[in-house]
């Protein structure tokens, strides 16, 4: 373990390593060194954020999507998906419900649904700000033009989530036959230029992915300097071309979460729903690896099962916003504190 421990110590102190050293950790990590990695990642998280876990209210407001992403259950070609859209009034009623529960961040997530054009989205954002002026609004609706992003920002959107998904261009082409690697990267640049708190991230366990590919993802994120990194396991959906592939593992996902925490100590790092969906201990292990955000689901119950990005996605129980007492009790049992504040980014951009 001595070489890995030395590399983890260096990563803890300097928040960076050479790519070959990151690869060495991923290639050679064992149970003992994983425990040490998690310890140092949690120590780093606690230094910058304490034991607080920020809660965001997730609103999945449309599952229509023009994209062809081969892993995603709401891709444009999945004729089995039961499509829905929330009206402006339904979105506002959901935000009001969330506000009454104590949420101060609302995450509006959807497919790339052009029904919600710039005018509609800006109107929705302004109306949420009127309803809850001190709350943060996070948008996650994929690739749009810089002018479109500018309008959303001017309307009051604070944050934008757009995973880069993979830093391997060939893998990106396999996942997205009709969209482009360079366009995704340009969108992330545009969002940062406009002053959004930007979230990016990737999937763990894609078919034929190697540790060298993960190093590319880590390097991409380190250079991007996002405010948040959303990273979870790949989970195959039975109604997509990628059905039958094995899912990513808790072990690999949490190892990468811990490395990200050491690479980017101030970043907001969710223990994702996907991580909770592949194992009962997924959320706890994510938090113990340095995560500090969870996103309970506020989507109207009638539609929660329809936003099916992958199989067996959790949206009830402790993944449900209505179960706040259960969530708080669960976090306290792990030694964490539930925080319903805005929880803005502490990332300092160069």
Protein backbone atom coordinates (compact mmCIF):
# COMPACT_ATOMS: atom_id res chain seq x y z
CA UNK A 1 0.00 0.00 0.00
CA UNK A 2 2.92 2.36 0.63
CA UNK A 3 3.14 3.80 -2.90
CA UNK A 4 -0.63 4.29 -3.16
CA UNK A 5 -0.70 5.86 0.31
CA UNK A 6 2.07 8.24 -0.70
CA UNK A 7 0.16 9.20 -3.85
CA UNK A 8 -3.07 9.73 -1.88
CA UNK A 9 -1.18 11.92 0.60
CA UNK A 10 0.26 13.95 -2.26
CA UNK A 11 -3.20 14.30 -3.83
CA UNK A 12 -4.59 15.42 -0.46
CA UNK A 13 -1.87 18.04 -0.08
CA UNK A 14 -1.60 19.32 -3.67
CA UNK A 15 -5.05 18.49 -5.13
CA UNK A 16 -3.49 17.11 -8.28
CA UNK A 17 -1.34 14.26 -9.57
CA UNK A 18 0.25 13.35 -12.86
CA UNK A 19 -2.05 11.29 -15.06
CA UNK A 20 0.20 8.25 -14.71
CA UNK A 21 -0.10 8.46 -10.92
CA UNK A 22 -3.90 8.67 -11.06
CA UNK A 23 -3.81 5.62 -13.32
CA UNK A 24 -1.54 3.80 -10.86
CA UNK A 25 -4.06 4.35 -8.07
CA UNK A 26 -6.95 3.06 -10.19
CA UNK A 27 -4.97 0.05 -11.42
CA UNK A 28 -3.61 -1.00 -8.03
CA UNK A 29 -6.06 0.10 -5.35
CA UNK A 30 -7.06 -2.58 -2.84
CA UNK A 31 -9.39 -2.75 0.15
CA UNK A 32 -6.90 -1.26 2.60
CA UNK A 33 -5.97 1.64 0.33
CA UNK A 34 -9.65 2.29 -0.50
CA UNK A 35 -10.32 2.77 3.20
CA UNK A 36 -7.45 5.26 3.40
CA UNK A 37 -8.63 7.06 0.23
CA UNK A 38 -12.12 7.42 1.71
CA UNK A 39 -10.72 8.67 5.00
CA UNK A 40 -8.70 11.40 3.28
CA UNK A 41 -11.60 12.33 0.98
CA UNK A 42 -14.00 12.67 3.92
CA UNK A 43 -11.40 14.70 5.80
CA UNK A 44 -11.13 17.04 2.80
CA UNK A 45 -14.90 17.38 2.47
CA UNK A 46 -15.26 18.10 6.19
CA UNK A 47 -12.57 20.80 6.05
CA UNK A 48 -14.44 22.75 3.37
CA UNK A 49 -18.08 21.86 3.98
CA UNK A 50 -18.28 20.25 7.40
CA UNK A 51 -20.64 17.31 7.85
CA UNK A 52 -23.49 19.11 6.10
CA UNK A 53 -25.34 17.39 3.27
CA UNK A 54 -27.20 19.84 1.03
CA UNK A 55 -30.67 18.84 -0.14
CA UNK A 56 -31.96 19.96 -3.57
CA UNK A 57 -35.56 19.51 -4.69
CA UNK A 58 -35.58 17.67 -8.04
CA UNK A 59 -38.41 18.38 -10.50
CA UNK A 60 -38.37 16.17 -13.60
CA UNK A 61 -40.69 18.33 -15.68
CA UNK A 62 -40.56 16.65 -19.11
CA UNK A 63 -39.43 13.31 -20.48
CA UNK A 64 -39.73 14.29 -24.12
CA UNK A 65 -36.29 14.43 -25.72
CA UNK A 66 -34.95 15.00 -29.22
CA UNK A 67 -31.67 13.21 -28.49
CA UNK A 68 -30.77 9.66 -29.48
CA UNK A 69 -28.53 8.77 -26.49
CA UNK A 70 -28.20 5.01 -26.73
CA UNK A 71 -28.15 4.39 -22.97
CA UNK A 72 -31.10 6.58 -21.95
CA UNK A 73 -34.65 5.37 -21.40
CA UNK A 74 -36.19 8.65 -22.57
CA UNK A 75 -34.24 8.88 -25.83
CA UNK A 76 -36.21 10.01 -28.88
CA UNK A 77 -36.45 6.52 -30.37
CA UNK A 78 -37.89 4.72 -27.34
CA UNK A 79 -41.52 4.22 -28.38
CA UNK A 80 -42.29 2.47 -25.09
CA UNK A 81 -41.66 5.58 -23.00
CA UNK A 82 -44.83 7.13 -21.56
CA UNK A 83 -44.29 10.80 -22.38
CA UNK A 84 -45.40 13.74 -20.26
CA UNK A 85 -44.87 17.46 -19.79
CA UNK A 86 -45.64 19.53 -16.73
CA UNK A 87 -47.47 22.80 -17.30
CA UNK A 88 -46.10 26.03 -15.90
CA UNK A 89 -48.81 25.87 -13.24
CA UNK A 90 -47.83 22.32 -12.27
CA UNK A 91 -44.16 23.31 -12.03
CA UNK A 92 -45.01 26.30 -9.81
CA UNK A 93 -47.30 24.18 -7.62
CA UNK A 94 -44.47 21.67 -7.23
CA UNK A 95 -42.04 24.45 -6.26
CA UNK A 96 -44.56 25.82 -3.74
CA UNK A 97 -44.86 22.34 -2.23
CA UNK A 98 -41.07 22.14 -2.06
CA UNK A 99 -40.84 25.58 -0.48
CA UNK A 100 -43.35 24.50 2.18
CA UNK A 101 -41.17 21.45 2.87
CA UNK A 102 -38.16 23.75 3.34
CA UNK A 103 -36.26 23.44 0.06
CA UNK A 104 -34.23 26.42 -1.13
CA UNK A 105 -32.87 24.94 -4.35
CA UNK A 106 -35.04 23.63 -7.17
CA UNK A 107 -33.50 21.51 -9.91
CA UNK A 108 -35.54 21.60 -13.14
CA UNK A 109 -34.43 18.57 -15.11
CA UNK A 110 -35.79 17.32 -18.41
CA UNK A 111 -35.01 15.90 -21.79
CA UNK A 112 -34.06 18.21 -24.64
CA UNK A 113 -37.67 19.14 -25.28
CA UNK A 114 -38.00 22.07 -27.69
CA UNK A 115 -41.61 22.62 -26.58
CA UNK A 116 -39.96 24.53 -23.72
CA UNK A 117 -38.44 27.24 -25.88
CA UNK A 118 -36.51 30.19 -24.50
CA UNK A 119 -39.64 32.25 -23.88
CA UNK A 120 -41.40 29.48 -21.95
CA UNK A 121 -38.33 28.59 -19.90
CA UNK A 122 -37.53 32.21 -19.05
CA UNK A 123 -41.15 32.76 -17.97
CA UNK A 124 -41.06 29.66 -15.75
CA UNK A 125 -37.75 30.74 -14.17
CA UNK A 126 -38.97 34.28 -13.49
CA UNK A 127 -42.18 32.92 -11.96
CA UNK A 128 -40.28 30.61 -9.63
CA UNK A 129 -38.11 33.53 -8.54
CA UNK A 130 -41.26 35.54 -7.81
CA UNK A 131 -42.58 32.64 -5.75
CA UNK A 132 -39.32 31.93 -3.92
CA UNK A 133 -36.96 34.90 -4.46
CA UNK A 134 -34.24 33.63 -2.11
CA UNK A 135 -34.11 30.17 -3.68
CA UNK A 136 -31.56 28.93 -6.21
CA UNK A 137 -32.74 27.59 -9.55
CA UNK A 138 -30.75 24.87 -11.26
CA UNK A 139 -31.54 23.94 -14.87
CA UNK A 140 -30.65 20.67 -16.60
CA UNK A 141 -32.10 20.55 -20.10
CA UNK A 142 -29.11 19.73 -22.27
CA UNK A 143 -27.45 21.50 -25.16
CA UNK A 144 -28.72 24.92 -26.27
CA UNK A 145 -27.19 27.98 -27.91
CA UNK A 146 -25.21 30.53 -25.93
CA UNK A 147 -27.96 33.09 -26.58
CA UNK A 148 -30.48 30.67 -25.10
CA UNK A 149 -28.34 30.12 -22.02
CA UNK A 150 -27.93 33.89 -21.69
CA UNK A 151 -31.71 34.38 -21.61
CA UNK A 152 -32.10 31.70 -18.94
CA UNK A 153 -29.37 33.33 -16.88
CA UNK A 154 -30.93 36.78 -17.23
CA UNK A 155 -34.31 35.33 -16.19
CA UNK A 156 -32.77 34.22 -12.90
CA UNK A 157 -31.30 30.73 -13.35
CA UNK A 158 -28.32 30.28 -11.03
CA UNK A 159 -26.88 26.89 -11.97
CA UNK A 160 -26.76 24.55 -14.93
CA UNK A 161 -26.04 20.83 -14.96
CA UNK A 162 -24.62 19.31 -18.15
CA UNK A 163 -22.57 16.14 -17.88
CA UNK A 164 -19.76 15.77 -20.36
CA UNK A 165 -20.54 12.02 -20.01
CA UNK A 166 -17.16 10.83 -21.29
CA UNK A 167 -13.88 12.49 -22.26
CA UNK A 168 -13.23 9.71 -24.78
CA UNK A 169 -14.42 11.04 -28.13
CA UNK A 170 -14.85 7.59 -29.68
CA UNK A 171 -17.03 6.47 -26.78
CA UNK A 172 -19.04 9.69 -27.06
CA UNK A 173 -19.73 8.90 -30.73
CA UNK A 174 -21.01 5.44 -29.79
CA UNK A 175 -23.39 6.92 -27.22
CA UNK A 176 -24.53 9.83 -29.44
CA UNK A 177 -24.73 8.97 -33.11
CA UNK A 178 -26.25 12.35 -34.07
CA UNK A 179 -24.62 14.81 -31.71
CA UNK A 180 -21.06 15.93 -31.21
CA UNK A 181 -18.35 15.87 -28.57
CA UNK A 182 -17.12 19.38 -29.47
CA UNK A 183 -20.63 20.83 -29.15
CA UNK A 184 -21.01 19.48 -25.61
CA UNK A 185 -17.68 21.01 -24.62
CA UNK A 186 -18.61 24.34 -26.19
CA UNK A 187 -21.85 24.40 -24.20
CA UNK A 188 -19.93 23.94 -20.96
CA UNK A 189 -17.58 26.78 -21.91
CA UNK A 190 -20.54 29.04 -22.78
CA UNK A 191 -22.26 28.31 -19.47
CA UNK A 192 -19.14 29.21 -17.49
CA UNK A 193 -18.65 32.37 -19.56
CA UNK A 194 -22.20 33.46 -18.65
CA UNK A 195 -21.62 33.08 -14.93
CA UNK A 196 -23.60 29.93 -14.19
CA UNK A 197 -22.48 27.66 -11.38
CA UNK A 198 -21.80 24.76 -13.76
CA UNK A 199 -22.12 21.06 -13.01
CA UNK A 200 -20.60 18.38 -15.21
CA UNK A 201 -19.74 14.71 -14.77
CA UNK A 202 -19.58 11.24 -16.31
CA UNK A 203 -20.90 7.70 -16.07
CA UNK A 204 -19.02 4.85 -14.42
CA UNK A 205 -19.06 1.38 -15.94
CA UNK A 206 -19.69 2.07 -19.61
CA UNK A 207 -18.93 -0.99 -21.78
CA UNK A 208 -15.24 -1.32 -22.70
CA UNK A 209 -14.27 1.66 -20.54
CA UNK A 210 -10.76 1.53 -19.09
CA UNK A 211 -8.96 3.16 -16.19
CA UNK A 212 -7.13 5.30 -18.75
CA UNK A 213 -10.51 6.62 -19.86
CA UNK A 214 -11.38 7.53 -16.27
CA UNK A 215 -8.11 9.44 -15.98
CA UNK A 216 -9.15 11.46 -19.05
CA UNK A 217 -12.47 12.24 -17.33
CA UNK A 218 -10.70 13.30 -14.16
CA UNK A 219 -8.31 15.53 -16.08
CA UNK A 220 -11.16 17.07 -18.07
CA UNK A 221 -13.00 17.96 -14.85
CA UNK A 222 -9.89 19.30 -13.17
CA UNK A 223 -9.32 21.66 -16.11
CA UNK A 224 -13.00 22.63 -16.39
CA UNK A 225 -13.23 23.59 -12.68
CA UNK A 226 -16.98 22.93 -12.32
CA UNK A 227 -18.98 24.00 -9.29
CA UNK A 228 -20.48 20.51 -9.08
CA UNK A 229 -19.65 17.04 -10.36
CA UNK A 230 -22.56 14.67 -10.95
CA UNK A 231 -21.19 11.20 -11.36
CA UNK A 232 -22.96 7.89 -11.00
CA UNK A 233 -22.94 4.33 -12.29
CA UNK A 234 -24.09 3.44 -15.79
CA UNK A 235 -27.29 1.39 -15.48
CA UNK A 236 -28.64 -0.28 -18.60
CA UNK A 237 -32.26 0.32 -19.63
CA UNK A 238 -34.16 -2.58 -21.15
CA UNK A 239 -35.72 -0.42 -23.89
CA UNK A 240 -32.45 0.95 -25.28
CA UNK A 241 -29.73 -0.40 -27.60
CA UNK A 242 -27.48 -0.85 -24.54
CA UNK A 243 -29.80 -3.28 -22.76
CA UNK A 244 -28.06 -6.34 -21.39
CA UNK A 245 -24.80 -4.57 -20.53
CA UNK A 246 -23.54 -4.82 -16.96
CA UNK A 247 -24.04 -1.82 -14.71
CA UNK A 248 -21.32 0.21 -13.05
CA UNK A 249 -20.42 -0.81 -9.52
CA UNK A 250 -20.66 0.92 -6.17
CA UNK A 251 -16.97 0.18 -5.59
CA UNK A 252 -15.70 1.86 -8.74
CA UNK A 253 -18.10 4.78 -8.47
CA UNK A 254 -17.18 5.61 -4.88
CA UNK A 255 -13.46 5.24 -5.58
CA UNK A 256 -13.78 7.85 -8.32
CA UNK A 257 -15.95 10.07 -6.09
CA UNK A 258 -13.20 10.06 -3.47
CA UNK A 259 -10.51 10.91 -6.03
CA UNK A 260 -12.65 13.79 -7.34
CA UNK A 261 -13.07 15.11 -3.80
CA UNK A 262 -9.27 15.20 -3.41
CA UNK A 263 -8.73 16.70 -6.86
CA UNK A 264 -11.40 19.40 -6.33
CA UNK A 265 -11.81 19.87 -2.58
CA UNK A 266 -14.46 22.63 -2.72
CA UNK A 267 -16.68 21.04 -5.36
CA UNK A 268 -20.30 20.09 -4.66
CA UNK A 269 -20.47 16.33 -5.06
CA UNK A 270 -23.80 14.45 -5.08
CA UNK A 271 -24.43 10.94 -3.90
CA UNK A 272 -26.65 10.34 -6.93
CA UNK A 273 -29.96 8.54 -7.21
CA UNK A 274 -28.27 6.10 -9.59
CA UNK A 275 -25.77 5.20 -6.86
CA UNK A 276 -28.61 4.64 -4.39
CA UNK A 277 -30.45 2.56 -7.01
CA UNK A 278 -27.75 -0.10 -7.41
CA UNK A 279 -27.42 -0.98 -3.73
CA UNK A 280 -28.96 -0.30 -0.34
CA UNK A 281 -25.66 1.09 0.91
CA UNK A 282 -25.07 3.26 -2.17
CA UNK A 283 -25.97 6.61 -0.64
CA UNK A 284 -24.00 6.05 2.57
CA UNK A 285 -20.95 4.86 0.70
CA UNK A 286 -21.12 7.89 -1.57
CA UNK A 287 -21.25 10.23 1.42
CA UNK A 288 -18.43 8.38 3.15
CA UNK A 289 -16.36 8.83 -0.02
CA UNK A 290 -16.70 12.61 0.18
CA UNK A 291 -20.10 13.43 -1.36
CA UNK A 292 -22.18 16.22 0.19
CA UNK A 293 -25.36 16.67 -1.90
CA UNK A 294 -28.52 14.62 -2.41
CA UNK A 295 -31.52 15.45 -4.60
CA UNK A 296 -34.83 14.14 -3.23
CA UNK A 297 -37.56 13.87 -5.84
CA UNK A 298 -40.34 16.49 -5.91
CA UNK A 299 -41.80 15.42 -9.27
CA UNK A 300 -45.57 14.85 -9.00
CA UNK A 301 -46.05 11.23 -7.99
CA UNK A 302 -48.15 10.39 -11.05
CA UNK A 303 -45.11 10.98 -13.31
CA UNK A 304 -42.17 9.74 -11.21
CA UNK A 305 -42.12 6.33 -12.80
CA UNK A 306 -42.22 7.84 -16.29
CA UNK A 307 -38.89 9.67 -15.95
CA UNK A 308 -37.09 6.40 -16.50
CA UNK A 309 -33.50 7.09 -17.52
CA UNK A 310 -32.41 3.61 -16.40
CA UNK A 311 -34.01 0.53 -14.90
CA UNK A 312 -35.04 0.29 -11.24
CA UNK A 313 -34.56 4.01 -10.63
CA UNK A 314 -35.48 4.97 -7.07
CA UNK A 315 -37.98 7.80 -6.64
CA UNK A 316 -39.84 6.86 -3.46
CA UNK A 317 -38.86 6.16 0.15
CA UNK A 318 -35.77 8.11 1.12
CA UNK A 319 -35.37 9.29 -2.51
CA UNK A 320 -38.70 11.12 -2.20
CA UNK A 321 -38.86 14.74 -1.04
CA UNK A 322 -41.97 13.97 1.01
CA UNK A 323 -39.91 11.63 3.17
CA UNK A 324 -37.81 14.43 4.69
CA UNK A 325 -37.98 13.05 8.21
CA UNK A 326 -36.77 9.69 6.90
CA UNK A 327 -33.96 11.42 4.98
CA UNK A 328 -32.92 13.46 8.02
CA UNK A 329 -32.96 10.40 10.27
CA UNK A 330 -30.93 8.44 7.73
CA UNK A 331 -28.31 11.19 7.42
CA UNK A 332 -28.09 11.62 11.20
CA UNK A 333 -27.62 7.88 11.62
CA UNK A 334 -24.59 8.14 9.32
CA UNK A 335 -23.20 11.11 11.28
CA UNK A 336 -24.24 13.84 8.82
CA UNK A 337 -26.40 16.95 9.13
CA UNK A 338 -29.25 17.77 6.72
CA UNK A 339 -28.90 21.30 5.28
CA UNK A 340 -31.81 22.83 3.37
CA UNK A 341 -30.04 26.12 2.55
CA UNK A 342 -29.14 27.21 -1.00
CA UNK A 343 -25.68 25.72 -0.55
CA UNK A 344 -23.95 27.77 -3.21
CA UNK A 345 -20.66 26.71 -4.73
CA UNK A 346 -17.45 27.43 -2.87
CA UNK A 347 -15.32 26.86 -5.97
CA UNK A 348 -12.96 29.76 -6.60
CA UNK A 349 -12.39 30.17 -10.35
CA UNK A 350 -8.95 31.09 -11.58
